[in-house]
Amino acid sequence: MTTPVPTENARGGEELVKQGWTKQFLASGSRLQEASASYASIGLEVHLEPAQAKDLACSECQPPQPSATVEGWYLIYTRPRPEAECAGRQDEDLW
């Protein structure tokens, strides 16, 4: 599984989008592991950002500060792998 980014190194959605990342969804626990592995298995790069209170849909669930991180929850971002990495994949020789 992709290692989550430490909170102090979080970059923010706008910067990630500028770098070609696409926000997928918010997850935690086994769902986070499953989704990360699935995206990686189809050849995408996976990046995990710590979720903040403002990322939650439920306003009742949010901590008092919208910028506070929500422990155990991450936003999953994906982007296509650079061509050089894709070209060397062994499993593409199946066809």
N, C-alpha and C. Protein backbone atom coordinates (compact mmCIF):
# COMPACT_ATOMS: atom_id res chain seq x y z
N MET A 1 0.84 -1.18 0.00
CA MET A 1 0.00 0.00 0.00
C MET A 1 0.88 1.24 0.00
N THR A 2 0.38 2.28 -0.57
CA THR A 2 1.06 3.56 -0.57
C THR A 2 1.13 4.10 0.85
N THR A 3 2.27 4.67 1.22
CA THR A 3 2.43 5.24 2.54
C THR A 3 1.77 6.61 2.59
N PRO A 4 0.89 6.84 3.56
CA PRO A 4 0.26 8.16 3.67
C PRO A 4 1.29 9.26 3.94
N VAL A 5 1.00 10.44 3.45
CA VAL A 5 1.85 11.60 3.67
C VAL A 5 1.67 12.07 5.11
N PRO A 6 2.77 12.33 5.84
CA PRO A 6 2.61 12.88 7.18
C PRO A 6 1.89 14.22 7.13
N THR A 7 1.12 14.52 8.14
CA THR A 7 0.32 15.74 8.19
C THR A 7 1.16 16.98 7.93
N GLU A 8 2.36 17.03 8.49
CA GLU A 8 3.18 18.23 8.31
C GLU A 8 3.70 18.38 6.88
N ASN A 9 3.62 17.33 6.07
CA ASN A 9 4.06 17.40 4.67
C ASN A 9 2.90 17.46 3.68
N ALA A 10 1.68 17.59 4.17
CA ALA A 10 0.52 17.64 3.29
C ALA A 10 0.63 18.82 2.34
N ARG A 11 0.21 18.61 1.08
CA ARG A 11 0.38 19.64 0.05
C ARG A 11 -0.90 20.39 -0.28
N GLY A 12 -2.03 19.80 -0.09
CA GLY A 12 -3.27 20.48 -0.44
C GLY A 12 -3.73 20.12 -1.84
N GLY A 13 -5.04 20.11 -2.02
CA GLY A 13 -5.65 19.68 -3.27
C GLY A 13 -5.29 20.48 -4.49
N GLU A 14 -5.25 21.80 -4.38
CA GLU A 14 -4.97 22.64 -5.55
C GLU A 14 -3.57 22.36 -6.11
N GLU A 15 -2.60 22.23 -5.25
CA GLU A 15 -1.23 21.96 -5.71
C GLU A 15 -1.15 20.58 -6.37
N LEU A 16 -1.83 19.61 -5.80
CA LEU A 16 -1.80 18.26 -6.37
C LEU A 16 -2.45 18.22 -7.75
N VAL A 17 -3.57 18.92 -7.91
CA VAL A 17 -4.25 18.97 -9.22
C VAL A 17 -3.34 19.60 -10.26
N LYS A 18 -2.61 20.64 -9.88
CA LYS A 18 -1.65 21.28 -10.81
C LYS A 18 -0.57 20.30 -11.24
N GLN A 19 -0.27 19.32 -10.39
CA GLN A 19 0.76 18.33 -10.69
C GLN A 19 0.20 17.11 -11.42
N GLY A 20 -1.08 17.17 -11.79
CA GLY A 20 -1.67 16.10 -12.58
C GLY A 20 -2.42 15.04 -11.79
N TRP A 21 -2.57 15.24 -10.50
CA TRP A 21 -3.30 14.28 -9.67
C TRP A 21 -4.80 14.51 -9.77
N THR A 22 -5.57 13.42 -9.65
CA THR A 22 -7.04 13.49 -9.64
C THR A 22 -7.52 12.97 -8.30
N LYS A 23 -8.36 13.77 -7.62
CA LYS A 23 -8.91 13.33 -6.34
C LYS A 23 -9.97 12.28 -6.61
N GLN A 24 -9.87 11.15 -5.89
CA GLN A 24 -10.83 10.06 -6.05
C GLN A 24 -11.87 10.09 -4.94
N PHE A 25 -11.50 9.72 -3.73
CA PHE A 25 -12.44 9.74 -2.63
C PHE A 25 -11.72 9.63 -1.29
N LEU A 26 -12.50 9.73 -0.23
CA LEU A 26 -12.03 9.69 1.15
C LEU A 26 -12.22 8.28 1.68
N ALA A 27 -11.20 7.72 2.35
CA ALA A 27 -11.33 6.36 2.87
C ALA A 27 -10.44 6.16 4.10
N SER A 28 -10.68 5.07 4.79
CA SER A 28 -9.85 4.70 5.93
C SER A 28 -9.80 3.18 6.04
N GLY A 29 -8.90 2.69 6.85
CA GLY A 29 -8.82 1.26 7.16
C GLY A 29 -8.68 0.36 5.95
N SER A 30 -9.43 -0.74 5.97
CA SER A 30 -9.32 -1.73 4.90
C SER A 30 -9.78 -1.20 3.55
N ARG A 31 -10.74 -0.30 3.55
CA ARG A 31 -11.21 0.31 2.29
C ARG A 31 -10.10 1.14 1.66
N LEU A 32 -9.34 1.84 2.47
CA LEU A 32 -8.20 2.63 1.99
C LEU A 32 -7.15 1.72 1.37
N GLN A 33 -6.84 0.63 2.05
CA GLN A 33 -5.85 -0.32 1.55
C GLN A 33 -6.32 -0.97 0.25
N GLU A 34 -7.57 -1.36 0.22
CA GLU A 34 -8.14 -2.01 -0.97
C GLU A 34 -8.13 -1.08 -2.18
N ALA A 35 -8.57 0.15 -1.98
CA ALA A 35 -8.64 1.11 -3.09
C ALA A 35 -7.23 1.45 -3.59
N SER A 36 -6.30 1.67 -2.68
CA SER A 36 -4.93 2.00 -3.07
C SER A 36 -4.32 0.87 -3.90
N ALA A 37 -4.52 -0.36 -3.44
CA ALA A 37 -3.98 -1.51 -4.16
C ALA A 37 -4.64 -1.67 -5.53
N SER A 38 -5.94 -1.42 -5.60
CA SER A 38 -6.65 -1.54 -6.88
C SER A 38 -6.17 -0.51 -7.89
N TYR A 39 -6.04 0.73 -7.46
CA TYR A 39 -5.54 1.77 -8.36
C TYR A 39 -4.12 1.45 -8.83
N ALA A 40 -3.27 1.00 -7.92
CA ALA A 40 -1.90 0.66 -8.29
C ALA A 40 -1.87 -0.52 -9.26
N SER A 41 -2.78 -1.48 -9.08
CA SER A 41 -2.78 -2.67 -9.93
C SER A 41 -3.17 -2.36 -11.38
N ILE A 42 -3.87 -1.25 -11.60
CA ILE A 42 -4.21 -0.89 -12.98
C ILE A 42 -3.23 0.13 -13.55
N GLY A 43 -2.11 0.31 -12.84
CA GLY A 43 -1.03 1.12 -13.38
C GLY A 43 -1.05 2.59 -13.01
N LEU A 44 -1.83 2.98 -12.02
CA LEU A 44 -1.87 4.39 -11.61
C LEU A 44 -0.95 4.62 -10.42
N GLU A 45 -0.38 5.82 -10.36
CA GLU A 45 0.32 6.24 -9.16
C GLU A 45 -0.74 6.59 -8.13
N VAL A 46 -0.47 6.31 -6.87
CA VAL A 46 -1.42 6.59 -5.80
C VAL A 46 -0.74 7.49 -4.77
N HIS A 47 -1.46 8.53 -4.37
CA HIS A 47 -0.96 9.46 -3.35
C HIS A 47 -2.05 9.64 -2.29
N LEU A 48 -1.67 9.53 -1.03
CA LEU A 48 -2.63 9.67 0.07
C LEU A 48 -2.33 10.93 0.87
N GLU A 49 -3.33 11.78 0.98
CA GLU A 49 -3.23 13.01 1.77
C GLU A 49 -4.10 12.87 3.02
N PRO A 50 -3.61 13.31 4.18
CA PRO A 50 -4.45 13.26 5.39
C PRO A 50 -5.73 14.07 5.18
N ALA A 51 -6.85 13.50 5.56
CA ALA A 51 -8.14 14.19 5.43
C ALA A 51 -8.25 15.27 6.50
N GLN A 52 -8.91 16.35 6.14
CA GLN A 52 -9.19 17.42 7.08
C GLN A 52 -10.68 17.46 7.33
N ALA A 53 -11.06 18.11 8.40
CA ALA A 53 -12.48 18.20 8.76
C ALA A 53 -13.32 18.74 7.62
N LYS A 54 -12.79 19.68 6.86
CA LYS A 54 -13.56 20.27 5.75
C LYS A 54 -13.83 19.27 4.63
N ASP A 55 -13.09 18.13 4.60
CA ASP A 55 -13.29 17.12 3.57
C ASP A 55 -14.49 16.21 3.86
N LEU A 56 -14.97 16.23 5.10
CA LEU A 56 -16.10 15.39 5.48
C LEU A 56 -17.40 15.99 4.99
N ALA A 57 -18.31 15.15 4.56
CA ALA A 57 -19.61 15.64 4.08
C ALA A 57 -20.53 15.98 5.25
N CYS A 58 -20.32 15.37 6.38
CA CYS A 58 -21.21 15.55 7.54
C CYS A 58 -20.69 16.66 8.44
N SER A 59 -21.41 17.77 8.51
CA SER A 59 -20.96 18.89 9.33
C SER A 59 -21.01 18.55 10.82
N GLU A 60 -21.83 17.58 11.22
CA GLU A 60 -21.90 17.19 12.63
C GLU A 60 -20.67 16.39 13.04
N CYS A 61 -20.00 15.76 12.07
CA CYS A 61 -18.83 14.94 12.37
C CYS A 61 -17.53 15.75 12.43
N GLN A 62 -17.57 16.97 11.98
CA GLN A 62 -16.36 17.76 11.86
C GLN A 62 -15.84 18.24 13.21
N PRO A 63 -14.52 18.16 13.40
CA PRO A 63 -13.93 18.78 14.57
C PRO A 63 -14.13 20.29 14.49
N PRO A 64 -13.92 21.02 15.58
CA PRO A 64 -14.15 22.47 15.60
C PRO A 64 -13.38 23.26 14.54
N GLN A 65 -12.16 22.84 14.21
CA GLN A 65 -11.36 23.57 13.22
C GLN A 65 -11.42 22.84 11.88
N PRO A 66 -11.87 23.52 10.81
CA PRO A 66 -11.96 22.86 9.50
C PRO A 66 -10.62 22.37 8.96
N SER A 67 -9.51 22.95 9.43
CA SER A 67 -8.20 22.53 8.93
C SER A 67 -7.61 21.39 9.77
N ALA A 68 -8.28 20.99 10.85
CA ALA A 68 -7.79 19.90 11.69
C ALA A 68 -7.87 18.59 10.92
N THR A 69 -6.84 17.75 11.06
CA THR A 69 -6.86 16.46 10.38
C THR A 69 -7.79 15.49 11.11
N VAL A 70 -8.30 14.54 10.36
CA VAL A 70 -9.19 13.53 10.90
C VAL A 70 -8.40 12.23 10.95
N GLU A 71 -8.08 11.78 12.13
CA GLU A 71 -7.19 10.64 12.31
C GLU A 71 -7.69 9.40 11.58
N GLY A 72 -6.78 8.78 10.80
CA GLY A 72 -7.08 7.54 10.12
C GLY A 72 -7.77 7.66 8.77
N TRP A 73 -8.17 8.87 8.37
CA TRP A 73 -8.86 9.09 7.10
C TRP A 73 -7.93 9.81 6.12
N TYR A 74 -7.98 9.38 4.86
CA TYR A 74 -7.12 9.95 3.83
C TYR A 74 -7.89 10.19 2.54
N LEU A 75 -7.49 11.22 1.82
CA LEU A 75 -8.00 11.47 0.47
C LEU A 75 -7.08 10.72 -0.48
N ILE A 76 -7.67 9.95 -1.37
CA ILE A 76 -6.90 9.19 -2.35
C ILE A 76 -6.82 10.01 -3.63
N TYR A 77 -5.59 10.23 -4.11
CA TYR A 77 -5.34 10.90 -5.38
C TYR A 77 -4.63 9.91 -6.30
N THR A 78 -4.94 9.96 -7.59
CA THR A 78 -4.27 9.10 -8.56
C THR A 78 -3.83 9.92 -9.76
N ARG A 79 -2.86 9.38 -10.49
CA ARG A 79 -2.47 9.95 -11.79
C ARG A 79 -1.79 8.85 -12.58
N PRO A 80 -1.80 8.98 -13.90
CA PRO A 80 -1.12 7.98 -14.73
C PRO A 80 0.37 7.96 -14.43
N ARG A 81 0.95 6.78 -14.52
CA ARG A 81 2.40 6.66 -14.33
C ARG A 81 3.10 7.27 -15.54
N PRO A 82 4.30 7.80 -15.32
CA PRO A 82 5.07 8.30 -16.47
C PRO A 82 5.30 7.16 -17.48
N GLU A 83 5.36 7.49 -18.74
CA GLU A 83 5.52 6.49 -19.81
C GLU A 83 6.70 5.57 -19.59
N ALA A 84 7.80 6.09 -19.08
CA ALA A 84 9.00 5.28 -18.87
C ALA A 84 8.72 4.13 -17.92
N GLU A 85 7.92 4.36 -16.88
CA GLU A 85 7.60 3.31 -15.92
C GLU A 85 6.66 2.29 -16.53
N CYS A 86 5.70 2.73 -17.31
CA CYS A 86 4.73 1.82 -17.91
C CYS A 86 5.37 0.91 -18.94
N ALA A 87 6.33 1.42 -19.69
CA ALA A 87 6.95 0.66 -20.77
C ALA A 87 7.69 -0.56 -20.25
N GLY A 88 8.20 -0.49 -19.03
CA GLY A 88 8.99 -1.59 -18.50
C GLY A 88 8.20 -2.61 -17.72
N ARG A 89 6.90 -2.52 -17.70
CA ARG A 89 6.10 -3.46 -16.91
C ARG A 89 6.07 -4.83 -17.57
N GLN A 90 6.38 -5.86 -16.80
CA GLN A 90 6.45 -7.22 -17.30
C GLN A 90 5.07 -7.80 -17.64
N ASP A 91 4.04 -7.44 -16.86
CA ASP A 91 2.73 -8.05 -17.04
C ASP A 91 2.03 -7.63 -18.33
N GLU A 92 2.54 -6.64 -19.01
CA GLU A 92 1.93 -6.21 -20.27
C GLU A 92 2.30 -7.15 -21.42
N ASP A 93 3.22 -8.06 -21.19
CA ASP A 93 3.61 -9.01 -22.22
C ASP A 93 2.64 -10.18 -22.32
N LEU A 94 1.58 -10.17 -21.53
CA LEU A 94 0.63 -11.27 -21.56
C LEU A 94 -0.13 -11.34 -22.87
N TRP A 95 -0.31 -10.26 -23.56
CA TRP A 95 -1.08 -10.25 -24.79
C TRP A 95 -0.15 -10.25 -25.93
